[in-house]
Amino acid sequence: MLNEGCVLKMKIDKERKRFLKQELKEYEKTTPMMEEGRSVLREWVRAGNSVHENGASACYGGGCPIEFLDVYREEEESRTALASMTYEQGSRYLSEKYGIDRDAVPEPKPTYEELRKKASHLYRTCMLYWEVLIANDLREEACEYVREHIDEELPFDPIEWDIAQ
């Protein structure tokens, strides 16, 4: 016999699939696209994603996610352009495309004291969060969450903390 949680999850999954299918149908009516883009978009939605999401978590300046098809088109444009370029040409192309100044003066490496201050600030921030969790009787849940997720990879590049350099 299925438990309530499992039945609820199946219902949500069915509702989500129905919603995504309807969203795709409306999107295809209003958005011009080539057949290859349509095929890739349908595959994206079949995998359980919205047409308004993208796998790169790319967002516009205001924080609004860029639609999947727009990210796909830009990536395809870059792949096509890079296919006929040497490594150096491709590097120059991407730098110009994304506004990276290769000749810019690099920022100086932080001093030991600056790193110590940042570490101290981060530690104090963590302690304040911990105090809020305890004050709201969430200590056990927080500990369990940390145990479950402590070894997960960060969803972004970790900050280099090598003080020796």
C-alpha atoms as a PDB file:
ATOM      1  CA  MET A   1       0.000   0.000   0.000  1.00  0.00           C
ATOM      2  CA  LEU A   2       1.351   3.435  -0.928  1.00  0.00           C
ATOM      3  CA  ASN A   3       1.813   5.937   1.850  1.00  0.00           C
ATOM      4  CA  GLU A   4       0.237   9.414   1.736  1.00  0.00           C
ATOM      5  CA  GLY A   5       3.524  11.170   0.947  1.00  0.00           C
ATOM      6  CA  CYS A   6       4.156   8.959  -2.070  1.00  0.00           C
ATOM      7  CA  VAL A   7       0.631   9.506  -3.425  1.00  0.00           C
ATOM      8  CA  LEU A   8       0.967  13.272  -2.914  1.00  0.00           C
ATOM      9  CA  LYS A   9       4.328  13.286  -4.749  1.00  0.00           C
ATOM     10  CA  MET A  10       2.818  11.342  -7.668  1.00  0.00           C
ATOM     11  CA  LYS A  11      -0.083  13.829  -7.809  1.00  0.00           C
ATOM     12  CA  ILE A  12       2.303  16.787  -7.776  1.00  0.00           C
ATOM     13  CA  ASP A  13       4.436  15.148 -10.469  1.00  0.00           C
ATOM     14  CA  LYS A  14       1.363  14.620 -12.673  1.00  0.00           C
ATOM     15  CA  GLU A  15       0.196  18.184 -12.083  1.00  0.00           C
ATOM     16  CA  ARG A  16       3.667  19.555 -12.802  1.00  0.00           C
ATOM     17  CA  LYS A  17       3.940  17.546 -16.026  1.00  0.00           C
ATOM     18  CA  ARG A  18       0.506  18.768 -17.110  1.00  0.00           C
ATOM     19  CA  PHE A  19       1.472  22.360 -16.290  1.00  0.00           C
ATOM     20  CA  LEU A  20       4.811  22.099 -18.145  1.00  0.00           C
ATOM     21  CA  LYS A  21       3.106  20.572 -21.182  1.00  0.00           C
ATOM     22  CA  GLN A  22       0.541  23.399 -21.290  1.00  0.00           C
ATOM     23  CA  GLU A  23       3.272  25.999 -20.764  1.00  0.00           C
ATOM     24  CA  LEU A  24       5.262  24.508 -23.676  1.00  0.00           C
ATOM     25  CA  LYS A  25       2.180  24.516 -25.919  1.00  0.00           C
ATOM     26  CA  GLU A  26       1.532  28.218 -25.250  1.00  0.00           C
ATOM     27  CA  TYR A  27       5.224  29.077 -25.597  1.00  0.00           C
ATOM     28  CA  GLU A  28       5.479  27.337 -28.980  1.00  0.00           C
ATOM     29  CA  LYS A  29       2.465  29.334 -30.232  1.00  0.00           C
ATOM     30  CA  THR A  30       4.066  32.682 -29.398  1.00  0.00           C
ATOM     31  CA  THR A  31       7.792  32.063 -29.861  1.00  0.00           C
ATOM     32  CA  PRO A  32       9.329  31.652 -33.315  1.00  0.00           C
ATOM     33  CA  MET A  33      11.915  28.862 -33.440  1.00  0.00           C
ATOM     34  CA  MET A  34      13.713  26.531 -35.787  1.00  0.00           C
ATOM     35  CA  GLU A  35      12.846  22.820 -35.717  1.00  0.00           C
ATOM     36  CA  GLU A  36      16.140  21.938 -33.979  1.00  0.00           C
ATOM     37  CA  GLY A  37      15.406  24.442 -31.221  1.00  0.00           C
ATOM     38  CA  ARG A  38      11.862  23.101 -30.895  1.00  0.00           C
ATOM     39  CA  SER A  39      13.181  19.547 -30.547  1.00  0.00           C
ATOM     40  CA  VAL A  40      15.746  20.499 -27.891  1.00  0.00           C
ATOM     41  CA  LEU A  41      13.149  22.576 -26.024  1.00  0.00           C
ATOM     42  CA  ARG A  42      10.680  19.682 -25.967  1.00  0.00           C
ATOM     43  CA  GLU A  43      13.378  17.373 -24.623  1.00  0.00           C
ATOM     44  CA  TRP A  44      14.154  19.969 -21.908  1.00  0.00           C
ATOM     45  CA  VAL A  45      10.497  20.132 -20.875  1.00  0.00           C
ATOM     46  CA  ARG A  46      10.103  16.316 -20.966  1.00  0.00           C
ATOM     47  CA  ALA A  47      12.951  16.179 -18.440  1.00  0.00           C
ATOM     48  CA  GLY A  48      10.734  18.168 -16.051  1.00  0.00           C
ATOM     49  CA  ASN A  49      11.945  21.715 -16.683  1.00  0.00           C
ATOM     50  CA  SER A  50      10.084  24.904 -17.508  1.00  0.00           C
ATOM     51  CA  VAL A  51      10.654  26.776 -20.767  1.00  0.00           C
ATOM     52  CA  HIS A  52      11.451  29.763 -18.547  1.00  0.00           C
ATOM     53  CA  GLU A  53      14.352  27.985 -16.769  1.00  0.00           C
ATOM     54  CA  ASN A  54      17.833  27.216 -18.021  1.00  0.00           C
ATOM     55  CA  GLY A  55      20.480  24.734 -16.929  1.00  0.00           C
ATOM     56  CA  ALA A  56      23.152  27.410 -16.613  1.00  0.00           C
ATOM     57  CA  SER A  57      21.134  29.408 -14.042  1.00  0.00           C
ATOM     58  CA  ALA A  58      21.749  32.408 -16.298  1.00  0.00           C
ATOM     59  CA  CYS A  59      19.811  35.531 -15.362  1.00  0.00           C
ATOM     60  CA  TYR A  60      19.256  38.997 -16.747  1.00  0.00           C
ATOM     61  CA  GLY A  61      20.681  41.968 -14.860  1.00  0.00           C
ATOM     62  CA  GLY A  62      17.558  42.233 -12.693  1.00  0.00           C
ATOM     63  CA  GLY A  63      17.842  38.606 -11.572  1.00  0.00           C
ATOM     64  CA  CYS A  64      15.092  37.258 -13.821  1.00  0.00           C
ATOM     65  CA  PRO A  65      16.059  33.870 -15.367  1.00  0.00           C
ATOM     66  CA  ILE A  66      16.844  33.797 -19.068  1.00  0.00           C
ATOM     67  CA  GLU A  67      14.575  31.383 -20.940  1.00  0.00           C
ATOM     68  CA  PHE A  68      16.025  28.030 -21.986  1.00  0.00           C
ATOM     69  CA  LEU A  69      15.697  28.689 -25.710  1.00  0.00           C
ATOM     70  CA  ASP A  70      17.573  32.009 -25.482  1.00  0.00           C
ATOM     71  CA  VAL A  71      20.473  30.369 -23.632  1.00  0.00           C
ATOM     72  CA  TYR A  72      20.459  27.486 -26.100  1.00  0.00           C
ATOM     73  CA  ARG A  73      20.568  29.859 -29.078  1.00  0.00           C
ATOM     74  CA  GLU A  74      23.471  31.825 -27.624  1.00  0.00           C
ATOM     75  CA  GLU A  75      25.415  28.658 -26.846  1.00  0.00           C
ATOM     76  CA  GLU A  76      24.795  27.332 -30.359  1.00  0.00           C
ATOM     77  CA  GLU A  77      25.960  30.633 -31.847  1.00  0.00           C
ATOM     78  CA  SER A  78      29.161  30.443 -29.808  1.00  0.00           C
ATOM     79  CA  ARG A  79      29.742  26.759 -30.664  1.00  0.00           C
ATOM     80  CA  THR A  80      29.304  27.490 -34.362  1.00  0.00           C
ATOM     81  CA  ALA A  81      31.638  30.477 -34.264  1.00  0.00           C
ATOM     82  CA  LEU A  82      34.281  28.655 -32.196  1.00  0.00           C
ATOM     83  CA  ALA A  83      34.274  25.568 -34.437  1.00  0.00           C
ATOM     84  CA  SER A  84      36.293  27.359 -37.126  1.00  0.00           C
ATOM     85  CA  MET A  85      38.666  29.218 -34.779  1.00  0.00           C
ATOM     86  CA  THR A  86      41.998  28.440 -33.249  1.00  0.00           C
ATOM     87  CA  TYR A  87      42.275  28.393 -29.464  1.00  0.00           C
ATOM     88  CA  GLU A  88      43.711  31.924 -29.424  1.00  0.00           C
ATOM     89  CA  GLN A  89      41.031  33.267 -31.792  1.00  0.00           C
ATOM     90  CA  GLY A  90      38.315  31.598 -29.722  1.00  0.00           C
ATOM     91  CA  SER A  91      39.724  33.029 -26.528  1.00  0.00           C
ATOM     92  CA  ARG A  92      39.745  36.520 -28.044  1.00  0.00           C
ATOM     93  CA  TYR A  93      36.199  36.042 -29.429  1.00  0.00           C
ATOM     94  CA  LEU A  94      34.778  34.981 -26.043  1.00  0.00           C
ATOM     95  CA  SER A  95      36.624  37.742 -24.213  1.00  0.00           C
ATOM     96  CA  GLU A  96      35.157  40.361 -26.548  1.00  0.00           C
ATOM     97  CA  LYS A  97      31.692  38.780 -26.524  1.00  0.00           C
ATOM     98  CA  TYR A  98      31.472  38.791 -22.737  1.00  0.00           C
ATOM     99  CA  GLY A  99      33.304  42.064 -22.152  1.00  0.00           C
ATOM    100  CA  ILE A 100      36.426  40.625 -20.559  1.00  0.00           C
ATOM    101  CA  ASP A 101      39.407  42.953 -20.754  1.00  0.00           C
ATOM    102  CA  ARG A 102      42.401  40.655 -21.124  1.00  0.00           C
ATOM    103  CA  ASP A 103      44.820  43.526 -20.613  1.00  0.00           C
ATOM    104  CA  ALA A 104      43.218  44.805 -17.434  1.00  0.00           C
ATOM    105  CA  VAL A 105      45.437  45.243 -14.414  1.00  0.00           C
ATOM    106  CA  PRO A 106      44.721  42.343 -12.071  1.00  0.00           C
ATOM    107  CA  GLU A 107      43.504  43.171  -8.599  1.00  0.00           C
ATOM    108  CA  PRO A 108      46.222  42.844  -5.984  1.00  0.00           C
ATOM    109  CA  LYS A 109      46.078  39.714  -3.861  1.00  0.00           C
ATOM    110  CA  PRO A 110      44.562  40.345  -0.455  1.00  0.00           C
ATOM    111  CA  THR A 111      46.891  40.682   2.492  1.00  0.00           C
ATOM    112  CA  TYR A 112      46.893  38.258   5.382  1.00  0.00           C
ATOM    113  CA  GLU A 113      45.137  40.872   7.532  1.00  0.00           C
ATOM    114  CA  GLU A 114      42.382  41.383   4.908  1.00  0.00           C
ATOM    115  CA  LEU A 115      41.821  37.620   4.714  1.00  0.00           C
ATOM    116  CA  ARG A 116      41.773  37.349   8.500  1.00  0.00           C
ATOM    117  CA  LYS A 117      39.134  40.100   8.668  1.00  0.00           C
ATOM    118  CA  LYS A 118      36.997  38.360   6.019  1.00  0.00           C
ATOM    119  CA  ALA A 119      37.297  35.025   7.813  1.00  0.00           C
ATOM    120  CA  SER A 120      36.398  36.657  11.120  1.00  0.00           C
ATOM    121  CA  HIS A 121      33.381  38.346   9.517  1.00  0.00           C
ATOM    122  CA  LEU A 122      32.215  35.047   7.985  1.00  0.00           C
ATOM    123  CA  TYR A 123      32.648  33.266  11.310  1.00  0.00           C
ATOM    124  CA  ARG A 124      30.644  35.961  13.126  1.00  0.00           C
ATOM    125  CA  THR A 125      27.910  35.774  10.466  1.00  0.00           C
ATOM    126  CA  CYS A 126      27.673  31.998  10.908  1.00  0.00           C
ATOM    127  CA  MET A 127      27.452  32.414  14.685  1.00  0.00           C
ATOM    128  CA  LEU A 128      24.630  34.957  14.330  1.00  0.00           C
ATOM    129  CA  TYR A 129      22.718  32.602  12.019  1.00  0.00           C
ATOM    130  CA  TRP A 130      23.242  29.816  14.541  1.00  0.00           C
ATOM    131  CA  GLU A 131      21.854  32.026  17.322  1.00  0.00           C
ATOM    132  CA  VAL A 132      18.732  32.695  15.233  1.00  0.00           C
ATOM    133  CA  LEU A 133      18.267  28.957  14.614  1.00  0.00           C
ATOM    134  CA  ILE A 134      18.559  28.187  18.331  1.00  0.00           C
ATOM    135  CA  ALA A 135      16.229  31.062  19.287  1.00  0.00           C
ATOM    136  CA  ASN A 136      13.620  29.608  16.913  1.00  0.00           C
ATOM    137  CA  ASP A 137      14.087  26.047  18.217  1.00  0.00           C
ATOM    138  CA  LEU A 138      15.562  24.831  14.910  1.00  0.00           C
ATOM    139  CA  ARG A 139      18.876  23.489  16.230  1.00  0.00           C
ATOM    140  CA  GLU A 140      18.149  19.809  15.576  1.00  0.00           C
ATOM    141  CA  GLU A 141      16.849  20.463  12.063  1.00  0.00           C
ATOM    142  CA  ALA A 142      19.871  22.643  11.283  1.00  0.00           C
ATOM    143  CA  CYS A 143      22.307  19.993  12.550  1.00  0.00           C
ATOM    144  CA  GLU A 144      20.577  17.298  10.513  1.00  0.00           C
ATOM    145  CA  TYR A 145      20.594  19.483   7.392  1.00  0.00           C
ATOM    146  CA  VAL A 146      24.312  20.226   7.808  1.00  0.00           C
ATOM    147  CA  ARG A 147      25.105  16.511   8.260  1.00  0.00           C
ATOM    148  CA  GLU A 148      23.145  15.629   5.121  1.00  0.00           C
ATOM    149  CA  HIS A 149      24.632  18.356   2.915  1.00  0.00           C
ATOM    150  CA  ILE A 150      28.129  19.111   4.239  1.00  0.00           C
ATOM    151  CA  ASP A 151      29.908  17.041   1.575  1.00  0.00           C
ATOM    152  CA  GLU A 152      27.944  18.358  -1.408  1.00  0.00           C
ATOM    153  CA  GLU A 153      29.752  20.346  -4.060  1.00  0.00           C
ATOM    154  CA  LEU A 154      29.159  24.071  -4.069  1.00  0.00           C
ATOM    155  CA  PRO A 155      26.914  25.253  -6.918  1.00  0.00           C
ATOM    156  CA  PHE A 156      29.597  27.797  -7.857  1.00  0.00           C
ATOM    157  CA  ASP A 157      33.389  28.022  -7.930  1.00  0.00           C
ATOM    158  CA  PRO A 158      34.805  27.964  -4.420  1.00  0.00           C
ATOM    159  CA  ILE A 159      36.807  30.944  -3.261  1.00  0.00           C
ATOM    160  CA  GLU A 160      40.527  30.363  -3.125  1.00  0.00           C
ATOM    161  CA  TRP A 161      41.564  30.635   0.515  1.00  0.00           C
ATOM    162  CA  ASP A 162      45.232  29.754   0.153  1.00  0.00           C
ATOM    163  CA  ILE A 163      46.757  32.258   2.564  1.00  0.00           C
ATOM    164  CA  ALA A 164      50.299  31.107   1.772  1.00  0.00           C
ATOM    165  CA  GLN A 165      50.223  32.662  -1.681  1.00  0.00           C
END
